[in-house]
């Protein structure tokens, strides 16, 4: 008989004055307990805590029958990521392209379930091992080659978030990557989190290509990735961490300094998450902020010693500030 799903680890972020204990007592959940029936109800209850101005609760599946929970809050007067207001223009994508994009998303999910989600980013865009997904990506390559102006217009002026999200993915397949970097960086400030996620992933792929084939026309700023580390939206934090790991591979002191200045507490908090596959990427980035090699960081991780790396990173920030 199959086990009923239950809560595994509970992870927090955005906590400054509000404690994890206060949140858990407010919503009456605990590790090992039953899954809460409603994400919206949890968020409404947490939002009643004095000082909390925004909440996101995200369930992440699955370790056996356990589902891990991420609870993010934004507190009044603390660091936060701000985004643009929704555009109100009439720019739109062809319906057949949108249909293909939605079919593509379904194919990506099935590929992940079947263990065929490996991607090659070296061309500056994602090419997946799964043949069905690869077919959609080939279509995006062909479309983007001839329609960058339309994709750009939708990203900037389309009023439908789903169409902007599609445009953020497809414009990344344009043949001239330097021509679309600014459009994708603009999309990092979109009010819709799916648009930001797609733009982040597209820029990360371009960054991979630029490392192997440096091009002075491709200049990817770390600024908005760093700001997204303070977002209440989990996907913003997760995807921006991945992008910053690519941008700081082999150095990039400017990006590391910006993290120290703007988002070190957020990165420290993420590095202490209990769900290990989510904690490792920010822990590795934190190690780079601390001035450690990736090998040194992995050694600390394997020993279960996160505290030493965290303290090194905090000390490096104090030293530079002083």
Protein backbone atom coordinates (compact mmCIF):
# COMPACT_ATOMS: atom_id res chain seq x y z
CA UNK A 1 0.00 0.00 0.00
CA UNK A 2 1.40 3.39 -1.05
CA UNK A 3 2.25 5.83 1.70
CA UNK A 4 0.26 9.04 1.90
CA UNK A 5 2.37 12.09 1.05
CA UNK A 6 3.58 14.11 4.00
CA UNK A 7 5.78 17.10 4.71
CA UNK A 8 9.54 16.62 4.60
CA UNK A 9 11.90 19.52 5.22
CA UNK A 10 10.57 23.04 5.72
CA UNK A 11 12.84 25.80 4.42
CA UNK A 12 12.60 29.54 5.04
CA UNK A 13 13.90 32.69 3.42
CA UNK A 14 13.45 36.42 3.86
CA UNK A 15 13.40 36.13 7.66
CA UNK A 16 14.88 39.01 9.63
CA UNK A 17 12.70 40.02 12.57
CA UNK A 18 10.09 37.28 12.07
CA UNK A 19 11.22 33.85 13.28
CA UNK A 20 10.64 30.45 11.72
CA UNK A 21 9.01 29.37 14.98
CA UNK A 22 6.52 32.23 14.73
CA UNK A 23 5.57 31.18 11.19
CA UNK A 24 5.20 27.50 12.07
CA UNK A 25 3.05 28.23 15.11
CA UNK A 26 0.87 30.51 13.00
CA UNK A 27 0.16 27.93 10.29
CA UNK A 28 0.40 24.81 12.50
CA UNK A 29 2.54 22.66 10.21
CA UNK A 30 5.55 20.49 11.03
CA UNK A 31 7.98 18.13 9.29
CA UNK A 32 6.44 14.67 9.08
CA UNK A 33 2.93 16.08 9.33
CA UNK A 34 0.26 16.05 6.63
CA UNK A 35 0.48 18.27 3.58
CA UNK A 36 -1.41 21.54 4.08
CA UNK A 37 -4.61 21.56 2.02
CA UNK A 38 -4.19 25.04 0.53
CA UNK A 39 -1.18 27.11 -0.46
CA UNK A 40 -3.36 30.21 -0.55
CA UNK A 41 -4.65 29.68 2.98
CA UNK A 42 -1.10 29.30 4.31
CA UNK A 43 -0.02 32.49 2.59
CA UNK A 44 -3.04 34.37 3.94
CA UNK A 45 -2.28 33.27 7.49
CA UNK A 46 1.42 34.16 7.29
CA UNK A 47 0.55 37.56 5.79
CA UNK A 48 -1.29 38.40 9.03
CA UNK A 49 1.99 38.30 11.00
CA UNK A 50 2.98 41.89 11.86
CA UNK A 51 5.75 43.20 9.63
CA UNK A 52 5.16 40.73 6.78
CA UNK A 53 4.32 42.48 3.49
CA UNK A 54 4.60 39.60 1.00
CA UNK A 55 4.54 35.79 1.19
CA UNK A 56 5.21 32.87 -1.11
CA UNK A 57 4.74 29.22 -0.16
CA UNK A 58 6.06 26.61 -2.57
CA UNK A 59 5.89 22.82 -2.30
CA UNK A 60 8.73 20.91 -3.93
CA UNK A 61 8.29 17.26 -4.84
CA UNK A 62 9.58 14.73 -3.81
CA UNK A 63 11.87 12.61 -1.65
CA UNK A 64 10.03 9.31 -1.39
CA UNK A 65 6.57 10.19 -0.13
CA UNK A 66 7.76 13.46 1.44
CA UNK A 67 7.17 16.87 -0.10
CA UNK A 68 9.46 19.69 1.00
CA UNK A 69 8.11 23.16 1.66
CA UNK A 70 9.67 26.56 1.03
CA UNK A 71 8.22 29.51 2.89
CA UNK A 72 9.42 32.92 1.74
CA UNK A 73 8.45 36.25 3.19
CA UNK A 74 9.30 39.87 2.63
CA UNK A 75 9.42 42.03 5.73
CA UNK A 76 8.74 45.74 5.89
CA UNK A 77 11.86 47.90 5.38
CA UNK A 78 14.07 44.93 4.41
CA UNK A 79 15.83 44.25 1.11
CA UNK A 80 13.50 43.29 -1.71
CA UNK A 81 13.50 42.90 -5.46
CA UNK A 82 11.22 45.36 -7.27
CA UNK A 83 9.95 44.86 -10.80
CA UNK A 84 8.28 46.98 -13.48
CA UNK A 85 4.55 47.48 -13.80
CA UNK A 86 2.82 45.22 -16.37
CA UNK A 87 3.06 46.57 -19.93
CA UNK A 88 -0.21 47.53 -21.59
CA UNK A 89 0.63 47.26 -25.28
CA UNK A 90 -1.01 45.11 -27.94
CA UNK A 91 2.05 43.25 -29.26
CA UNK A 92 1.27 39.56 -29.71
CA UNK A 93 2.75 36.30 -30.97
CA UNK A 94 1.22 34.07 -33.67
CA UNK A 95 -1.14 31.45 -32.24
CA UNK A 96 0.71 28.55 -33.87
CA UNK A 97 3.92 29.65 -32.16
CA UNK A 98 2.15 29.87 -28.80
CA UNK A 99 0.66 26.41 -29.33
CA UNK A 100 4.13 25.04 -30.07
CA UNK A 101 5.52 26.75 -26.99
CA UNK A 102 2.89 25.14 -24.75
CA UNK A 103 3.50 21.74 -26.36
CA UNK A 104 7.21 22.32 -25.78
CA UNK A 105 6.62 22.91 -22.05
CA UNK A 106 4.71 19.64 -21.82
CA UNK A 107 7.44 17.79 -23.68
CA UNK A 108 10.08 19.22 -21.31
CA UNK A 109 8.12 17.96 -18.29
CA UNK A 110 7.80 14.48 -19.78
CA UNK A 111 11.50 14.42 -20.66
CA UNK A 112 12.37 15.28 -17.06
CA UNK A 113 10.16 12.47 -15.75
CA UNK A 114 11.82 10.04 -18.17
CA UNK A 115 15.36 11.12 -17.32
CA UNK A 116 16.04 12.70 -20.72
CA UNK A 117 16.36 16.32 -19.65
CA UNK A 118 20.12 16.70 -20.18
CA UNK A 119 20.88 19.96 -21.98
CA UNK A 120 23.76 21.26 -24.07
CA UNK A 121 24.16 25.04 -23.63
CA UNK A 122 27.40 25.53 -25.52
CA UNK A 123 25.69 26.99 -28.59
CA UNK A 124 24.25 29.78 -26.43
CA UNK A 125 20.80 28.20 -26.19
CA UNK A 126 19.45 25.01 -24.69
CA UNK A 127 19.41 21.86 -26.82
CA UNK A 128 17.90 18.93 -24.97
CA UNK A 129 18.72 15.27 -25.45
CA UNK A 130 15.04 14.36 -25.76
CA UNK A 131 14.23 14.23 -29.51
CA UNK A 132 10.72 15.69 -29.18
CA UNK A 133 11.96 18.67 -27.18
CA UNK A 134 14.84 19.07 -29.62
CA UNK A 135 12.31 19.33 -32.46
CA UNK A 136 10.55 22.26 -30.80
CA UNK A 137 13.90 23.92 -30.13
CA UNK A 138 14.80 23.60 -33.81
CA UNK A 139 11.53 25.36 -34.64
CA UNK A 140 12.40 28.17 -32.21
CA UNK A 141 15.78 28.55 -33.89
CA UNK A 142 14.13 28.99 -37.26
CA UNK A 143 11.49 31.40 -35.96
CA UNK A 144 13.93 33.55 -33.99
CA UNK A 145 16.24 33.86 -36.98
CA UNK A 146 13.58 35.88 -38.83
CA UNK A 147 11.46 37.48 -36.09
CA UNK A 148 13.66 39.13 -33.46
CA UNK A 149 11.86 42.50 -33.82
CA UNK A 150 8.48 40.86 -33.09
CA UNK A 151 9.84 38.91 -30.10
CA UNK A 152 11.46 42.10 -28.77
CA UNK A 153 8.22 44.04 -29.13
CA UNK A 154 6.23 41.37 -27.26
CA UNK A 155 8.80 41.28 -24.45
CA UNK A 156 8.60 45.02 -24.00
CA UNK A 157 4.99 45.84 -24.84
CA UNK A 158 2.90 42.67 -24.78
CA UNK A 159 0.14 42.80 -22.18
CA UNK A 160 -0.23 38.99 -21.90
CA UNK A 161 2.31 37.50 -19.45
CA UNK A 162 2.20 34.06 -21.06
CA UNK A 163 3.19 35.54 -24.42
CA UNK A 164 6.05 37.48 -22.85
CA UNK A 165 7.23 34.24 -21.22
CA UNK A 166 7.21 32.49 -24.59
CA UNK A 167 9.06 35.41 -26.18
CA UNK A 168 11.72 35.31 -23.44
CA UNK A 169 12.46 31.68 -24.25
CA UNK A 170 12.32 31.93 -28.04
CA UNK A 171 14.34 35.15 -28.43
CA UNK A 172 17.23 33.32 -26.75
CA UNK A 173 17.44 31.15 -29.89
CA UNK A 174 18.28 34.15 -32.09
CA UNK A 175 21.48 33.53 -34.07
CA UNK A 176 23.13 36.79 -32.97
CA UNK A 177 23.24 36.48 -29.18
CA UNK A 178 24.74 39.92 -28.68
CA UNK A 179 21.69 41.39 -30.39
CA UNK A 180 19.25 40.05 -27.77
CA UNK A 181 21.16 40.27 -24.47
CA UNK A 182 19.69 43.68 -23.65
CA UNK A 183 16.18 42.42 -24.40
CA UNK A 184 16.65 39.50 -22.03
CA UNK A 185 18.12 41.70 -19.32
CA UNK A 186 15.09 43.97 -19.72
CA UNK A 187 12.89 40.90 -19.21
CA UNK A 188 14.61 40.19 -15.87
CA UNK A 189 12.59 43.11 -14.50
CA UNK A 190 9.25 41.81 -15.78
CA UNK A 191 6.44 41.64 -13.20
CA UNK A 192 5.72 38.00 -14.11
CA UNK A 193 7.99 35.36 -12.55
CA UNK A 194 7.73 32.95 -15.52
CA UNK A 195 9.08 35.68 -17.82
CA UNK A 196 11.95 36.31 -15.43
CA UNK A 197 12.71 32.59 -15.18
CA UNK A 198 12.80 32.13 -18.95
CA UNK A 199 14.95 35.22 -19.45
CA UNK A 200 17.37 34.07 -16.74
CA UNK A 201 17.74 30.64 -18.33
CA UNK A 202 18.28 32.15 -21.77
CA UNK A 203 20.97 34.50 -20.45
CA UNK A 204 22.64 31.65 -18.58
CA UNK A 205 22.96 29.70 -21.83
CA UNK A 206 24.43 32.73 -23.59
CA UNK A 207 26.90 33.12 -20.71
CA UNK A 208 28.02 29.50 -21.17
CA UNK A 209 28.72 30.15 -24.86
CA UNK A 210 30.50 33.43 -24.09
CA UNK A 211 32.86 31.66 -21.71
CA UNK A 212 33.94 29.26 -24.43
CA UNK A 213 33.89 31.81 -27.26
CA UNK A 214 34.40 35.29 -25.79
CA UNK A 215 32.60 37.99 -27.73
CA UNK A 216 32.95 41.69 -26.79
CA UNK A 217 29.38 42.25 -28.04
CA UNK A 218 28.05 39.98 -25.28
CA UNK A 219 28.07 41.76 -21.94
CA UNK A 220 25.82 40.23 -19.31
CA UNK A 221 25.41 42.33 -16.19
CA UNK A 222 25.08 40.57 -12.83
CA UNK A 223 22.99 43.41 -11.38
CA UNK A 224 19.48 42.02 -11.80
CA UNK A 225 20.54 38.48 -10.95
CA UNK A 226 21.88 39.78 -7.65
CA UNK A 227 18.70 41.75 -6.97
CA UNK A 228 16.63 38.62 -7.61
CA UNK A 229 18.41 36.89 -4.72
CA UNK A 230 16.24 39.10 -2.49
CA UNK A 231 12.98 38.16 -4.20
CA UNK A 232 10.10 36.57 -2.32
CA UNK A 233 9.63 34.26 -5.33
CA UNK A 234 11.56 30.99 -4.97
CA UNK A 235 12.21 30.55 -8.70
CA UNK A 236 13.87 34.00 -8.84
CA UNK A 237 16.34 32.96 -6.16
CA UNK A 238 17.02 29.51 -7.59
CA UNK A 239 17.46 30.55 -11.21
CA UNK A 240 19.50 33.68 -10.49
CA UNK A 241 21.86 31.61 -8.33
CA UNK A 242 22.46 29.25 -11.25
CA UNK A 243 23.14 32.18 -13.57
CA UNK A 244 25.54 33.80 -11.11
CA UNK A 245 27.45 30.53 -10.75
CA UNK A 246 28.07 30.65 -14.50
CA UNK A 247 29.02 34.35 -14.47
CA UNK A 248 31.45 33.89 -11.55
CA UNK A 249 33.11 30.75 -12.81
CA UNK A 250 36.79 31.58 -12.89
CA UNK A 251 36.36 34.95 -11.21
CA UNK A 252 34.26 38.07 -11.96
CA UNK A 253 35.15 40.09 -8.91
CA UNK A 254 32.62 42.79 -9.76
CA UNK A 255 29.76 40.29 -9.50
CA UNK A 256 31.09 38.85 -6.22
CA UNK A 257 31.48 42.34 -4.76
CA UNK A 258 27.91 43.17 -5.75
CA UNK A 259 26.64 40.04 -4.00
CA UNK A 260 28.51 41.02 -0.84
CA UNK A 261 27.02 44.49 -0.98
CA UNK A 262 23.43 43.71 -1.99
CA UNK A 263 22.50 40.12 -1.17
CA UNK A 264 24.86 38.41 1.26
CA UNK A 265 22.21 37.76 3.97
CA UNK A 266 19.91 36.19 1.38
CA UNK A 267 22.66 33.93 0.11
CA UNK A 268 23.63 32.90 3.65
CA UNK A 269 20.03 32.02 4.37
CA UNK A 270 19.67 29.94 1.19
CA UNK A 271 22.92 28.12 1.94
CA UNK A 272 21.36 26.81 5.15
CA UNK A 273 18.27 25.31 3.54
CA UNK A 274 17.57 21.75 4.68
CA UNK A 275 16.67 20.52 1.18
CA UNK A 276 20.20 19.75 0.05
CA UNK A 277 19.77 19.93 -3.72
CA UNK A 278 18.47 23.47 -3.30
CA UNK A 279 21.09 24.51 -0.73
CA UNK A 280 24.20 23.38 -2.61
CA UNK A 281 24.18 25.96 -5.48
CA UNK A 282 23.89 29.00 -3.17
CA UNK A 283 26.45 27.43 -0.83
CA UNK A 284 28.89 27.11 -3.73
CA UNK A 285 28.27 30.73 -4.75
CA UNK A 286 28.76 31.81 -1.15
CA UNK A 287 32.10 30.01 -1.12
CA UNK A 288 33.22 32.06 -4.10
CA UNK A 289 32.17 35.22 -2.26
CA UNK A 290 34.35 34.01 0.64
CA UNK A 291 37.32 33.67 -1.71
CA UNK A 292 37.44 29.87 -1.51
CA UNK A 293 37.98 27.49 -4.40
CA UNK A 294 35.12 25.26 -5.50
CA UNK A 295 37.08 22.25 -4.28
CA UNK A 296 37.39 23.77 -0.82
CA UNK A 297 33.68 24.51 -0.72
CA UNK A 298 32.77 20.98 -1.80
CA UNK A 299 35.06 19.58 0.91
CA UNK A 300 33.25 21.63 3.54
CA UNK A 301 29.92 20.51 2.14
CA UNK A 302 30.87 16.84 2.26
CA UNK A 303 31.99 17.22 5.89
CA UNK A 304 28.68 18.85 6.76
CA UNK A 305 30.52 22.03 7.72
CA UNK A 306 28.51 24.91 6.29
CA UNK A 307 29.26 27.26 9.16
CA UNK A 308 32.94 27.77 8.28
CA UNK A 309 32.15 28.89 4.72
CA UNK A 310 29.34 31.17 5.91
CA UNK A 311 31.61 32.83 8.47
CA UNK A 312 34.36 33.28 5.88
CA UNK A 313 31.92 34.98 3.52
CA UNK A 314 30.60 37.27 6.26
CA UNK A 315 34.14 38.13 7.32
CA UNK A 316 35.13 38.98 3.76
CA UNK A 317 32.17 41.35 3.49
CA UNK A 318 33.10 43.10 6.75
CA UNK A 319 36.72 43.41 5.65
CA UNK A 320 35.78 45.05 2.34
CA UNK A 321 33.24 47.31 4.01
CA UNK A 322 35.83 48.42 6.54
